[in-house]
Amino acid sequence: MIHTTRTVAASACFALFAATPSLAASAVTATPVRAVQDGAQQPAAEAAPAVEAAAPRRDRVESGEVAAQMGDHVVTWAELDEVLLARHALGPIANEALQFLAQSALIGHLGSAAGIEITDAAVEARFEELDRRTLESGVEDGLDGHLRRSNVKRADFLRALENQLMLAELTRRALGLPKDRSVPDHDQQIWLDQQLAQRPLERIARPWTDGVVARLGEVEIRADELAVRLRDSLGRDRVRDALFQIMLAARVEAECAELPRSAVDAAIGLEIQRRREETASNPAYQGVSFDSLLKAQGIDPEQYHHDPAVRIAALSNLVIDVRYPADVLEATYRADKQWYDDRFGESVRAYVIFAIAAEKPDGIVRFTRETARERLTELRATLDSEPSFAATAGQLHQDTTNGIAATDLGRVHRADTRLDTEICDAVYALREKGVTGVSEPVDMSTGVALFYLGEHRPTPDFAGMRDDVHTELRRRFLVDLVPANRLVTYLDPKPLITEASADNAARGR
């Protein structure tokens, strides 16, 4: 019997705030040091001319030889599996995968021992029966279409059907039922649970020298089997991100080929130590060790220094440190000072409450511009301080039924790469008019907004900008190593990596 659990998370945002990143990130996730800005662009003077690129090579992926490729550079199946095992073998997804594999293997083992053979014809007949039921239920493309939309491979489903038929026959024989009598699913599960209770699952610690990661009585589960199951269980996006990070880490390491091995190892050690210290200083993790937090996420602490996200963070910083010593880094800033200052310099603490409006409101848009201004004017009368604005914004953010969005914009720069240009322009237009605190309602392209403008900070000197300049140079370095739309993976019917997702993958997110 197959039990499939699917979790779908969906969230809706107003278009103006679509580029706003998450406000929090775990200290022990694969977030590199000096988190880079989403979607930041190079100065126009440095932008390369638009050139129509040739389609990326796909030959070795399409043949099944490798898991991903970018030109002549590839990610092997072994490299992918090693990362998935290091990241997830200790976690709940791996536990579920092992239980599934153990049950399937045990059914096959017991069936073989009992001399039971399930023919291909029997499996196909069962598939056709389920296909007929699916068509009768109104699914036009039948069971094959349903499997395709559910990202379930037909071959995997057929193997599951074979196991189901095997379990039914084992239960029938154990209960002494006649061949013409069906075996209820409930009875099959009770019998299987009894068999499992007699054989507790034993997890094997690394290094898995014989390749065995778990045992269930006479049954052994191998690391390669678990890795294949993890590929299917983790979801396409997480596996694709892992492939991207593996490719990117390899390209970064190639850039470090001329550096002393001691410098590379030291950089990785410093990155892990930084993460340990960051975690220790986080009140949410007081009393919990860094290694325990890694294990809670399924990550093997002994393998953490091999994780591609850790290596990307450590070695990309090392490369920028080597290429841009202090004087060169400052000269780079001076050469494009306005560009850097607009994105990382002057800032205003700001919040916004936004009412989307249309000429003719409907079930989604509740306000005209006039009624939106009236509603925000009413709200403005209740807001007299940053705490009151923040509290009201928080309440509105939680309530998606009132037609009003609200968000904490943080510190807004003139050309803030997190935000839509219209938001930045509105904040600084208000500031230049001398507005502080709560603004009057402001007309925007898709509605009306109420802003709160708090503390203003002028552009700092180079010492205060250094980390931002370093971060931006590092971002450019990483994005250039694996250009947008050049990575092809076995999961992609066509190249799906965009420049934005390249940025995110480069940061290990």
Protein backbone atom coordinates (compact mmCIF):
# COMPACT_ATOMS: atom_id res chain seq x y z
CA MET A 1 0.00 0.00 0.00
CA ILE A 2 1.33 3.44 -0.89
CA HIS A 3 0.85 6.35 1.48
CA THR A 4 1.71 9.67 -0.16
CA THR A 5 1.94 12.85 1.89
CA ARG A 6 2.11 16.14 0.05
CA THR A 7 2.45 19.55 1.67
CA VAL A 8 1.70 22.56 -0.46
CA ALA A 9 2.45 26.01 0.87
CA ALA A 10 1.04 29.00 -0.97
CA SER A 11 1.20 32.69 -0.17
CA ALA A 12 -0.02 35.74 -2.03
CA CYS A 13 1.62 39.17 -2.01
CA PHE A 14 0.78 42.45 -3.62
CA ALA A 15 2.93 43.08 -6.68
CA LEU A 16 4.76 46.01 -5.14
CA PHE A 17 6.18 43.81 -2.39
CA ALA A 18 6.90 40.70 -4.41
CA ALA A 19 10.65 41.22 -4.19
CA THR A 20 10.74 41.58 -0.39
CA PRO A 21 12.85 38.72 1.06
CA SER A 22 12.14 36.64 4.12
CA LEU A 23 12.78 38.55 7.35
CA ALA A 24 14.47 35.65 9.13
CA ALA A 25 16.98 32.91 8.39
CA SER A 26 18.19 30.13 10.62
CA ALA A 27 21.74 30.44 11.89
CA VAL A 28 22.48 26.84 11.04
CA THR A 29 21.04 26.70 7.55
CA ALA A 30 23.28 27.04 4.54
CA THR A 31 23.32 30.85 4.64
CA PRO A 32 26.79 32.16 3.80
CA VAL A 33 28.55 34.92 5.70
CA ARG A 34 27.71 38.46 4.60
CA ALA A 35 24.31 37.60 3.11
CA VAL A 36 24.10 39.09 -0.37
CA GLN A 37 21.27 41.21 -1.70
CA ASP A 38 18.55 39.72 -3.89
CA GLY A 39 18.58 40.73 -7.50
CA ALA A 40 21.31 43.38 -7.22
CA GLN A 41 22.51 44.45 -10.65
CA GLN A 42 25.98 45.48 -11.72
CA PRO A 43 26.56 49.16 -12.56
CA ALA A 44 25.35 50.00 -16.03
CA ALA A 45 28.88 50.87 -17.10
CA GLU A 46 29.97 47.32 -16.38
CA ALA A 47 26.94 45.54 -17.82
CA ALA A 48 27.77 43.16 -20.65
CA PRO A 49 25.98 43.72 -23.97
CA ALA A 50 22.99 41.48 -24.56
CA VAL A 51 24.00 38.45 -26.59
CA GLU A 52 21.71 35.63 -27.63
CA ALA A 53 23.29 32.59 -26.00
CA ALA A 54 23.31 29.18 -27.58
CA ALA A 55 21.07 26.60 -25.95
CA PRO A 56 22.84 24.91 -23.03
CA ARG A 57 24.20 21.43 -23.57
CA ARG A 58 21.93 18.65 -22.34
CA ASP A 59 23.44 15.52 -23.89
CA ARG A 60 24.91 13.89 -20.78
CA VAL A 61 21.85 14.69 -18.67
CA GLU A 62 19.44 13.37 -21.28
CA SER A 63 21.45 10.15 -21.59
CA GLY A 64 21.18 9.65 -17.82
CA GLU A 65 24.97 9.65 -17.46
CA VAL A 66 25.02 12.59 -15.03
CA ALA A 67 22.56 14.43 -12.79
CA ALA A 68 23.37 17.93 -14.06
CA GLN A 69 25.64 19.68 -16.50
CA MET A 70 26.77 23.14 -17.52
CA GLY A 71 28.75 22.82 -20.71
CA ASP A 72 31.63 20.46 -19.98
CA HIS A 73 31.11 20.72 -16.21
CA VAL A 74 28.93 18.04 -14.64
CA VAL A 75 27.42 16.89 -11.35
CA THR A 76 27.57 13.11 -11.06
CA TRP A 77 24.91 11.00 -9.42
CA ALA A 78 27.43 10.01 -6.75
CA GLU A 79 28.09 13.68 -5.92
CA LEU A 80 24.39 14.41 -5.63
CA ASP A 81 23.72 11.35 -3.48
CA GLU A 82 26.60 12.13 -1.12
CA VAL A 83 25.26 15.64 -0.48
CA LEU A 84 21.68 14.43 0.03
CA LEU A 85 22.85 11.79 2.50
CA ALA A 86 25.08 14.24 4.39
CA ARG A 87 22.24 16.77 4.63
CA HIS A 88 19.31 14.50 5.35
CA ALA A 89 20.37 11.02 6.50
CA LEU A 90 19.80 11.88 10.16
CA GLY A 91 16.49 13.68 9.67
CA PRO A 92 12.79 12.80 9.57
CA ILE A 93 12.62 12.56 5.77
CA ALA A 94 15.33 9.90 5.83
CA ASN A 95 13.53 8.09 8.65
CA GLU A 96 10.37 7.92 6.56
CA ALA A 97 12.39 6.84 3.53
CA LEU A 98 14.08 4.06 5.52
CA GLN A 99 10.75 2.83 6.88
CA PHE A 100 9.37 2.73 3.34
CA LEU A 101 12.42 0.93 1.97
CA ALA A 102 12.51 -1.49 4.89
CA GLN A 103 8.85 -2.40 4.54
CA SER A 104 9.18 -2.88 0.80
CA ALA A 105 12.32 -4.99 1.16
CA LEU A 106 10.80 -7.07 3.96
CA ILE A 107 7.70 -7.84 1.90
CA GLY A 108 9.90 -8.91 -1.01
CA HIS A 109 12.13 -10.99 1.27
CA LEU A 110 9.21 -12.77 2.95
CA GLY A 111 7.46 -13.32 -0.36
CA SER A 112 10.58 -14.83 -1.91
CA ALA A 113 11.08 -17.08 1.11
CA ALA A 114 7.47 -18.26 0.77
CA GLY A 115 7.93 -18.98 -2.93
CA ILE A 116 5.43 -16.34 -4.01
CA GLU A 117 5.87 -14.91 -7.50
CA ILE A 118 3.93 -11.89 -8.72
CA THR A 119 3.88 -11.90 -12.51
CA ASP A 120 4.15 -8.82 -14.70
CA ALA A 121 0.74 -9.69 -16.08
CA ALA A 122 -0.78 -9.54 -12.60
CA VAL A 123 0.79 -6.15 -11.94
CA GLU A 124 -0.39 -4.81 -15.29
CA ALA A 125 -3.89 -6.10 -14.67
CA ARG A 126 -3.99 -4.30 -11.33
CA PHE A 127 -2.74 -1.11 -12.99
CA GLU A 128 -5.44 -1.35 -15.67
CA GLU A 129 -8.09 -1.82 -12.97
CA LEU A 130 -6.93 1.31 -11.15
CA ASP A 131 -6.70 3.18 -14.45
CA ARG A 132 -10.30 2.28 -15.25
CA ARG A 133 -11.45 3.54 -11.84
CA THR A 134 -9.50 6.75 -12.34
CA LEU A 135 -11.15 7.36 -15.71
CA GLU A 136 -14.58 6.63 -14.23
CA SER A 137 -13.93 9.22 -11.52
CA GLY A 138 -13.62 11.90 -14.21
CA VAL A 139 -9.84 12.10 -14.73
CA GLU A 140 -9.63 12.35 -18.52
CA ASP A 141 -6.02 11.19 -18.90
CA GLY A 142 -6.40 8.35 -16.43
CA LEU A 143 -3.90 7.01 -13.96
CA ASP A 144 -0.86 7.88 -16.09
CA GLY A 145 -1.90 11.52 -16.14
CA HIS A 146 -2.52 11.51 -12.40
CA LEU A 147 0.91 10.00 -11.73
CA ARG A 148 2.58 12.53 -14.00
CA ARG A 149 0.96 15.48 -12.20
CA SER A 150 1.92 13.94 -8.85
CA ASN A 151 5.57 13.53 -9.96
CA VAL A 152 5.35 9.76 -9.42
CA LYS A 153 7.27 7.63 -11.90
CA ARG A 154 5.27 4.87 -13.55
CA ALA A 155 8.01 2.31 -12.86
CA ASP A 156 8.00 3.19 -9.16
CA PHE A 157 4.24 2.88 -9.02
CA LEU A 158 4.36 -0.53 -10.71
CA ARG A 159 6.91 -1.73 -8.15
CA ALA A 160 4.62 -0.51 -5.40
CA LEU A 161 1.72 -2.41 -6.96
CA GLU A 162 3.87 -5.55 -7.07
CA ASN A 163 4.60 -5.11 -3.36
CA GLN A 164 0.92 -4.57 -2.65
CA LEU A 165 0.00 -7.79 -4.42
CA MET A 166 2.80 -9.63 -2.61
CA LEU A 167 1.61 -8.35 0.77
CA ALA A 168 -1.96 -9.38 0.00
CA GLU A 169 -0.83 -12.92 -0.87
CA LEU A 170 1.38 -13.18 2.24
CA THR A 171 -1.53 -12.08 4.43
CA ARG A 172 -3.93 -14.47 2.69
CA ARG A 173 -1.65 -17.42 3.39
CA ALA A 174 -1.01 -16.35 6.98
CA LEU A 175 -4.75 -16.12 7.65
CA GLY A 176 -5.58 -19.27 5.70
CA LEU A 177 -8.02 -17.49 3.39
CA PRO A 178 -9.18 -19.06 0.11
CA LYS A 179 -7.73 -17.72 -3.16
CA ASP A 180 -11.05 -16.30 -4.33
CA ARG A 181 -11.45 -14.11 -1.25
CA SER A 182 -10.04 -10.59 -1.17
CA VAL A 183 -7.87 -9.54 1.75
CA PRO A 184 -8.94 -6.25 3.38
CA ASP A 185 -6.27 -3.56 3.54
CA HIS A 186 -6.75 -3.38 7.30
CA ASP A 187 -5.82 -7.05 7.71
CA GLN A 188 -2.77 -6.62 5.49
CA GLN A 189 -1.55 -3.69 7.59
CA ILE A 190 -2.05 -5.57 10.87
CA TRP A 191 -0.07 -8.53 9.57
CA LEU A 192 2.72 -6.28 8.26
CA ASP A 193 2.88 -4.36 11.55
CA GLN A 194 3.30 -7.67 13.38
CA GLN A 195 6.22 -8.61 11.14
CA LEU A 196 7.83 -5.20 11.62
CA ALA A 197 7.44 -5.39 15.41
CA GLN A 198 9.50 -8.59 15.40
CA ARG A 199 12.30 -6.83 13.49
CA PRO A 200 13.17 -3.36 14.87
CA LEU A 201 14.89 -1.08 12.39
CA GLU A 202 18.59 -0.71 13.21
CA ARG A 203 20.33 2.45 11.97
CA ILE A 204 24.02 2.05 11.11
CA ALA A 205 26.39 4.95 11.85
CA ARG A 206 28.81 6.24 9.25
CA PRO A 207 31.20 5.55 7.59
CA TRP A 208 29.02 2.74 6.10
CA THR A 209 32.09 0.85 4.92
CA ASP A 210 29.96 -1.97 3.53
CA GLY A 211 27.38 0.45 2.11
CA VAL A 212 24.66 -0.62 4.57
CA VAL A 213 22.81 2.22 6.34
CA ALA A 214 20.13 0.19 8.13
CA ARG A 215 18.97 -3.35 8.87
CA LEU A 216 15.54 -4.81 9.51
CA GLY A 217 16.05 -8.38 10.61
CA GLU A 218 17.43 -10.22 7.59
CA VAL A 219 16.90 -7.20 5.33
CA GLU A 220 19.63 -4.65 4.61
CA ILE A 221 19.10 -1.13 3.29
CA ARG A 222 22.01 0.30 1.33
CA ALA A 223 23.13 3.93 1.12
CA ASP A 224 22.50 4.11 -2.62
CA GLU A 225 18.91 2.93 -2.11
CA LEU A 226 18.33 5.57 0.55
CA ALA A 227 19.85 8.27 -1.66
CA VAL A 228 17.55 7.39 -4.57
CA ARG A 229 14.56 7.48 -2.23
CA LEU A 230 15.69 10.87 -0.88
CA ARG A 231 15.82 12.26 -4.43
CA ASP A 232 12.13 11.48 -4.77
CA SER A 233 11.10 12.39 -1.21
CA LEU A 234 12.77 15.78 -0.89
CA GLY A 235 10.94 17.45 -3.75
CA ARG A 236 12.20 18.81 -7.04
CA ASP A 237 13.12 22.30 -5.79
CA ARG A 238 15.33 21.09 -2.94
CA VAL A 239 17.12 18.58 -5.13
CA ARG A 240 17.56 21.13 -7.91
CA ASP A 241 18.99 23.61 -5.41
CA ALA A 242 21.42 20.94 -4.20
CA LEU A 243 22.54 20.31 -7.78
CA PHE A 244 23.06 24.02 -8.33
CA GLN A 245 25.10 24.36 -5.15
CA ILE A 246 27.25 21.33 -6.00
CA MET A 247 28.01 22.82 -9.41
CA LEU A 248 28.69 26.25 -7.96
CA ALA A 249 30.92 24.88 -5.19
CA ALA A 250 32.98 23.02 -7.77
CA ARG A 251 33.40 26.18 -9.85
CA VAL A 252 34.41 28.21 -6.77
CA GLU A 253 36.93 25.55 -5.74
CA ALA A 254 38.41 25.64 -9.24
CA GLU A 255 39.01 29.36 -8.75
CA CYS A 256 40.96 28.49 -5.59
CA ALA A 257 43.20 25.95 -7.32
CA GLU A 258 46.28 28.18 -7.09
CA LEU A 259 45.77 29.01 -3.41
CA PRO A 260 47.55 27.05 -0.66
CA ARG A 261 45.54 24.14 0.68
CA SER A 262 46.09 25.49 4.16
CA ALA A 263 44.35 28.75 3.20
CA VAL A 264 41.36 26.85 1.78
CA ASP A 265 41.03 24.65 4.88
CA ALA A 266 41.39 27.67 7.17
CA ALA A 267 38.65 29.55 5.32
CA ILE A 268 36.26 26.61 5.67
CA GLY A 269 37.11 26.28 9.36
CA LEU A 270 36.50 29.99 9.94
CA GLU A 271 33.14 29.81 8.18
CA ILE A 272 31.97 26.92 10.36
CA GLN A 273 33.25 28.69 13.48
CA ARG A 274 31.36 31.83 12.45
CA ARG A 275 28.18 29.80 12.21
CA ARG A 276 28.81 28.22 15.61
CA GLU A 277 29.30 31.62 17.22
CA GLU A 278 26.25 33.09 15.48
CA THR A 279 24.15 30.20 16.73
CA ALA A 280 25.51 30.47 20.28
CA SER A 281 24.60 34.17 20.39
CA ASN A 282 21.02 33.56 19.22
CA PRO A 283 18.62 33.50 22.22
CA ALA A 284 16.39 31.02 20.39
CA TYR A 285 19.15 28.39 20.57
CA GLN A 286 20.40 28.91 24.13
CA GLY A 287 21.34 25.61 25.75
CA VAL A 288 21.35 23.73 22.44
CA SER A 289 24.64 22.79 20.83
CA PHE A 290 25.40 23.62 17.22
CA ASP A 291 25.87 19.93 16.38
CA SER A 292 22.48 19.11 17.91
CA LEU A 293 20.83 21.73 15.74
CA LEU A 294 22.50 20.31 12.66
CA LYS A 295 21.31 16.79 13.54
CA ALA A 296 17.78 18.08 14.13
CA GLN A 297 17.76 19.21 10.50
CA GLY A 298 19.12 15.86 9.32
CA ILE A 299 22.66 17.17 8.75
CA ASP A 300 25.64 15.01 9.70
CA PRO A 301 28.03 17.29 11.66
CA GLU A 302 31.00 15.14 10.62
CA GLN A 303 30.22 15.88 6.97
CA TYR A 304 29.34 19.55 7.41
CA HIS A 305 32.71 20.85 6.19
CA HIS A 306 32.02 19.09 2.87
CA ASP A 307 28.61 20.75 2.40
CA PRO A 308 28.65 22.76 -0.84
CA ALA A 309 26.86 25.74 0.74
CA VAL A 310 29.53 25.98 3.45
CA ARG A 311 32.29 25.75 0.87
CA ILE A 312 30.64 28.33 -1.38
CA ALA A 313 30.41 30.78 1.51
CA ALA A 314 33.94 30.20 2.77
CA LEU A 315 35.80 30.07 -0.52
CA SER A 316 33.98 32.85 -2.33
CA ASN A 317 34.89 35.17 0.54
CA LEU A 318 38.48 33.93 0.33
CA VAL A 319 38.62 34.64 -3.41
CA ILE A 320 37.35 38.20 -2.96
CA ASP A 321 39.79 38.79 -0.09
CA VAL A 322 42.68 37.69 -2.33
CA ARG A 323 41.56 39.58 -5.43
CA TYR A 324 40.59 42.75 -3.60
CA PRO A 325 43.09 43.66 -0.88
CA ALA A 326 42.13 46.70 1.22
CA ASP A 327 43.42 49.37 -1.18
CA VAL A 328 41.90 47.70 -4.27
CA LEU A 329 38.57 47.21 -2.50
CA GLU A 330 38.41 50.89 -1.59
CA ALA A 331 39.41 51.93 -5.12
CA THR A 332 36.63 49.71 -6.50
CA TYR A 333 34.15 51.47 -4.25
CA ARG A 334 35.40 54.94 -5.21
CA ALA A 335 35.11 54.12 -8.91
CA ASP A 336 31.36 53.39 -8.56
CA LYS A 337 30.62 55.30 -5.38
CA GLN A 338 27.17 56.53 -6.38
CA TRP A 339 26.05 53.05 -7.40
CA TYR A 340 27.14 51.54 -4.08
CA ASP A 341 25.83 54.46 -2.03
CA ASP A 342 22.37 54.22 -3.62
CA ARG A 343 22.11 50.52 -2.76
CA PHE A 344 23.95 50.20 0.54
CA GLY A 345 24.54 53.71 1.88
CA GLU A 346 21.92 56.22 3.02
CA SER A 347 18.88 54.55 4.61
CA VAL A 348 15.53 55.32 6.23
CA ARG A 349 13.72 53.07 8.69
CA ALA A 350 10.28 52.54 7.19
CA TYR A 351 7.01 50.64 7.33
CA VAL A 352 4.13 50.65 4.87
CA ILE A 353 0.41 49.90 4.93
CA PHE A 354 -0.97 49.41 1.43
CA ALA A 355 -4.52 49.22 0.07
CA ILE A 356 -4.74 47.82 -3.42
CA ALA A 357 -7.29 49.74 -5.48
CA ALA A 358 -8.99 49.60 -8.86
CA GLU A 359 -11.44 51.68 -10.84
CA LYS A 360 -14.01 48.92 -10.41
CA PRO A 361 -13.51 46.82 -7.25
CA ASP A 362 -14.31 43.11 -7.45
CA GLY A 363 -14.09 40.08 -5.18
CA ILE A 364 -10.33 40.46 -4.89
CA VAL A 365 -9.82 44.24 -5.00
CA ARG A 366 -12.06 45.87 -2.40
CA PHE A 367 -11.26 49.56 -2.84
CA THR A 368 -11.45 52.35 -5.35
CA ARG A 369 -8.68 54.92 -4.96
CA GLU A 370 -11.09 57.22 -3.17
CA THR A 371 -12.28 54.60 -0.68
CA ALA A 372 -8.70 53.40 -0.18
CA ARG A 373 -7.60 56.94 0.73
CA GLU A 374 -10.56 57.25 3.09
CA ARG A 375 -9.73 53.95 4.82
CA LEU A 376 -6.05 54.83 5.21
CA THR A 377 -6.93 58.32 6.47
CA GLU A 378 -9.06 56.68 9.16
CA LEU A 379 -6.16 54.42 10.08
CA ARG A 380 -3.74 57.36 10.14
CA ALA A 381 -5.77 59.04 12.86
CA THR A 382 -5.04 56.08 15.17
CA LEU A 383 -1.28 56.02 14.52
CA ASP A 384 0.91 58.42 16.46
CA SER A 385 4.24 56.61 16.87
CA GLU A 386 6.49 53.96 15.38
CA PRO A 387 5.32 51.31 17.91
CA SER A 388 1.65 51.97 17.10
CA PHE A 389 2.31 51.89 13.34
CA ALA A 390 4.36 48.69 13.67
CA ALA A 391 1.68 47.02 15.81
CA THR A 392 -1.10 47.96 13.39
CA ALA A 393 0.98 46.84 10.42
CA GLY A 394 1.59 43.51 12.16
CA GLN A 395 -2.12 42.99 12.77
CA LEU A 396 -2.99 43.87 9.18
CA HIS A 397 -0.25 41.58 7.89
CA GLN A 398 -1.87 38.66 9.73
CA ASP A 399 -5.34 39.43 8.32
CA THR A 400 -5.52 38.71 4.59
CA THR A 401 -9.29 39.31 4.37
CA ASN A 402 -9.41 43.09 4.73
CA GLY A 403 -7.87 44.06 1.39
CA ILE A 404 -4.95 45.81 3.05
CA ALA A 405 -1.33 44.66 3.09
CA ALA A 406 1.33 45.79 5.54
CA THR A 407 5.01 45.13 5.97
CA ASP A 408 8.09 46.21 7.85
CA LEU A 409 10.38 47.54 5.12
CA GLY A 410 13.41 47.62 7.39
CA ARG A 411 16.08 50.11 6.41
CA VAL A 412 15.26 51.37 2.91
CA HIS A 413 18.08 52.50 0.60
CA ARG A 414 17.54 54.77 -2.40
CA ALA A 415 17.93 51.87 -4.87
CA ASP A 416 17.15 49.06 -2.45
CA THR A 417 17.43 45.77 -4.32
CA ARG A 418 14.92 44.09 -2.00
CA LEU A 419 12.07 46.37 -2.97
CA ASP A 420 10.19 47.62 -5.97
CA THR A 421 11.63 50.89 -7.27
CA GLU A 422 8.30 52.64 -6.67
CA ILE A 423 8.53 51.94 -2.94
CA CYS A 424 12.05 53.36 -2.69
CA ASP A 425 11.12 56.43 -4.72
CA ALA A 426 8.07 57.09 -2.54
CA VAL A 427 10.05 56.82 0.70
CA TYR A 428 12.71 59.27 -0.46
CA ALA A 429 10.20 61.65 -2.06
CA LEU A 430 8.47 61.88 1.33
CA ARG A 431 11.78 62.41 3.11
CA GLU A 432 12.77 65.20 0.74
CA LYS A 433 9.45 66.89 1.58
CA GLY A 434 10.44 66.80 5.23
CA VAL A 435 8.00 64.05 6.23
CA THR A 436 8.84 62.11 9.39
CA GLY A 437 6.55 59.73 11.22
CA VAL A 438 3.23 58.84 9.57
CA SER A 439 2.69 60.16 6.05
CA GLU A 440 -0.50 61.24 4.34
CA PRO A 441 -1.94 58.60 1.99
CA VAL A 442 0.28 58.29 -1.10
CA ASP A 443 -1.03 57.31 -4.55
CA MET A 444 0.88 54.35 -6.02
CA SER A 445 0.51 52.59 -9.36
CA THR A 446 -1.73 49.82 -7.98
CA GLY A 447 -3.29 51.46 -4.96
CA VAL A 448 -2.73 53.80 -2.03
CA ALA A 449 -0.06 53.57 0.66
CA LEU A 450 0.54 54.92 4.14
CA PHE A 451 4.20 55.12 5.15
CA TYR A 452 5.99 55.52 8.44
CA LEU A 453 9.43 57.13 8.15
CA GLY A 454 11.69 56.66 11.14
CA GLU A 455 15.40 57.09 11.75
CA HIS A 456 17.49 58.40 8.86
CA ARG A 457 21.12 57.38 8.48
CA PRO A 458 23.44 59.17 6.06
CA THR A 459 25.88 57.26 3.87
CA PRO A 460 28.79 56.10 6.05
CA ASP A 461 32.45 56.44 5.10
CA PHE A 462 34.23 53.58 3.35
CA ALA A 463 34.85 51.74 6.63
CA GLY A 464 31.09 51.52 7.06
CA MET A 465 30.56 50.44 3.45
CA ARG A 466 33.38 47.91 3.23
CA ASP A 467 31.32 44.80 4.00
CA ASP A 468 28.60 45.80 1.54
CA VAL A 469 31.14 46.35 -1.25
CA HIS A 470 32.76 43.00 -0.44
CA THR A 471 29.34 41.32 -0.47
CA GLU A 472 28.40 42.79 -3.84
CA LEU A 473 31.69 41.73 -5.42
CA ARG A 474 31.16 38.26 -4.03
CA ARG A 475 27.63 38.15 -5.45
CA ARG A 476 28.87 39.08 -8.92
CA PHE A 477 31.62 36.49 -8.70
CA LEU A 478 29.17 33.71 -7.82
CA VAL A 479 26.54 34.64 -10.40
CA ASP A 480 29.16 34.82 -13.15
CA LEU A 481 30.47 31.33 -12.33
CA VAL A 482 27.14 29.66 -13.09
CA PRO A 483 25.30 32.03 -15.45
CA ALA A 484 21.54 32.17 -15.59
CA ASN A 485 19.85 29.44 -17.63
CA ARG A 486 23.07 27.50 -18.23
CA LEU A 487 22.63 24.70 -15.71
CA VAL A 488 20.60 21.71 -16.92
CA THR A 489 19.46 19.06 -14.45
CA TYR A 490 17.74 15.71 -14.78
CA LEU A 491 14.66 17.33 -13.21
CA ASP A 492 14.26 19.94 -15.92
CA PRO A 493 12.38 19.39 -19.17
CA LYS A 494 14.17 22.60 -20.14
CA PRO A 495 16.57 24.97 -18.32
CA LEU A 496 14.61 26.46 -15.42
CA ILE A 497 17.32 28.27 -13.43
CA THR A 498 16.79 32.03 -13.62
CA GLU A 499 19.22 34.73 -12.53
CA ALA A 500 17.20 35.30 -9.35
CA SER A 501 17.25 31.61 -8.46
CA ALA A 502 20.95 31.57 -9.30
CA ASP A 503 21.45 34.27 -6.68
CA ASN A 504 19.45 32.31 -4.12
CA ALA A 505 21.19 29.03 -4.84
CA ALA A 506 24.56 30.75 -4.66
CA ARG A 507 23.68 31.77 -1.13
CA GLY A 508 22.57 28.26 -0.23
CA ARG A 509 18.92 29.27 0.24
